[in-house]
Amino acid sequence: MLFRSLKASTKVSDLEGNEFNVSITGKADRIEFGIDGITIYDFKTSKTPVSKKDLAVNVQLALYSYLLESGTYFDGEQMRQLEDGKVVSGAALFQLRAGAEDQSTIQELKAGAHDENSEISLVDRINNAAIRIATHKFEATYEENNCRNCKVKVLCPIQPEGRKVQL
């Protein structure tokens, strides 16, 4: 089935004990309900596949698996929950034109692999992001590779272009 929306809700607490309701949504390009499990696919058109190291900690793919395991998905207009006994095997990048020959390739991240390979668990990432958003604590940090190619410098307070913006 193509283009399924995913949604999960949870509660997080900050260090002061304040609780926040969090709703996370995503849109998968394709979800395959197979005999051996469910795989969520994200189609990519880049010619350069993600490195194995980066794939092992890919937050987007881990989040897709989390959303399907923990929440609901929309099948057309109908909201559904994962049926008992159904297992999410993982999520994958479907590289539509990788390499010089424009050959397609699939790079899969097994469910749970993110937490096995990352210093920060996915749930901790979700909690940290939710608290920062809820408490309006956004701190811009400079990262040369990302900042040099950033397409929204005019919105960033650490870029000369962004310092001109008044909120």
Foldseek 3Di string as FASTA:
>chain_A
DAKKKFKAWDWAADPVGDIDIDMDMDIFGDWDQDPVAIETEHEDADQADDDPLCLLQPLVFQVVQCRLQHHWMDDDPDIGHDDPPHHHQTYWYFHQQYDPRGHTDIDTHGHPSNVVNDPADSVNVVNVVVVCVVVVPDDDDDDPVDVVPDPPLCCDCVHPNVVPDDD
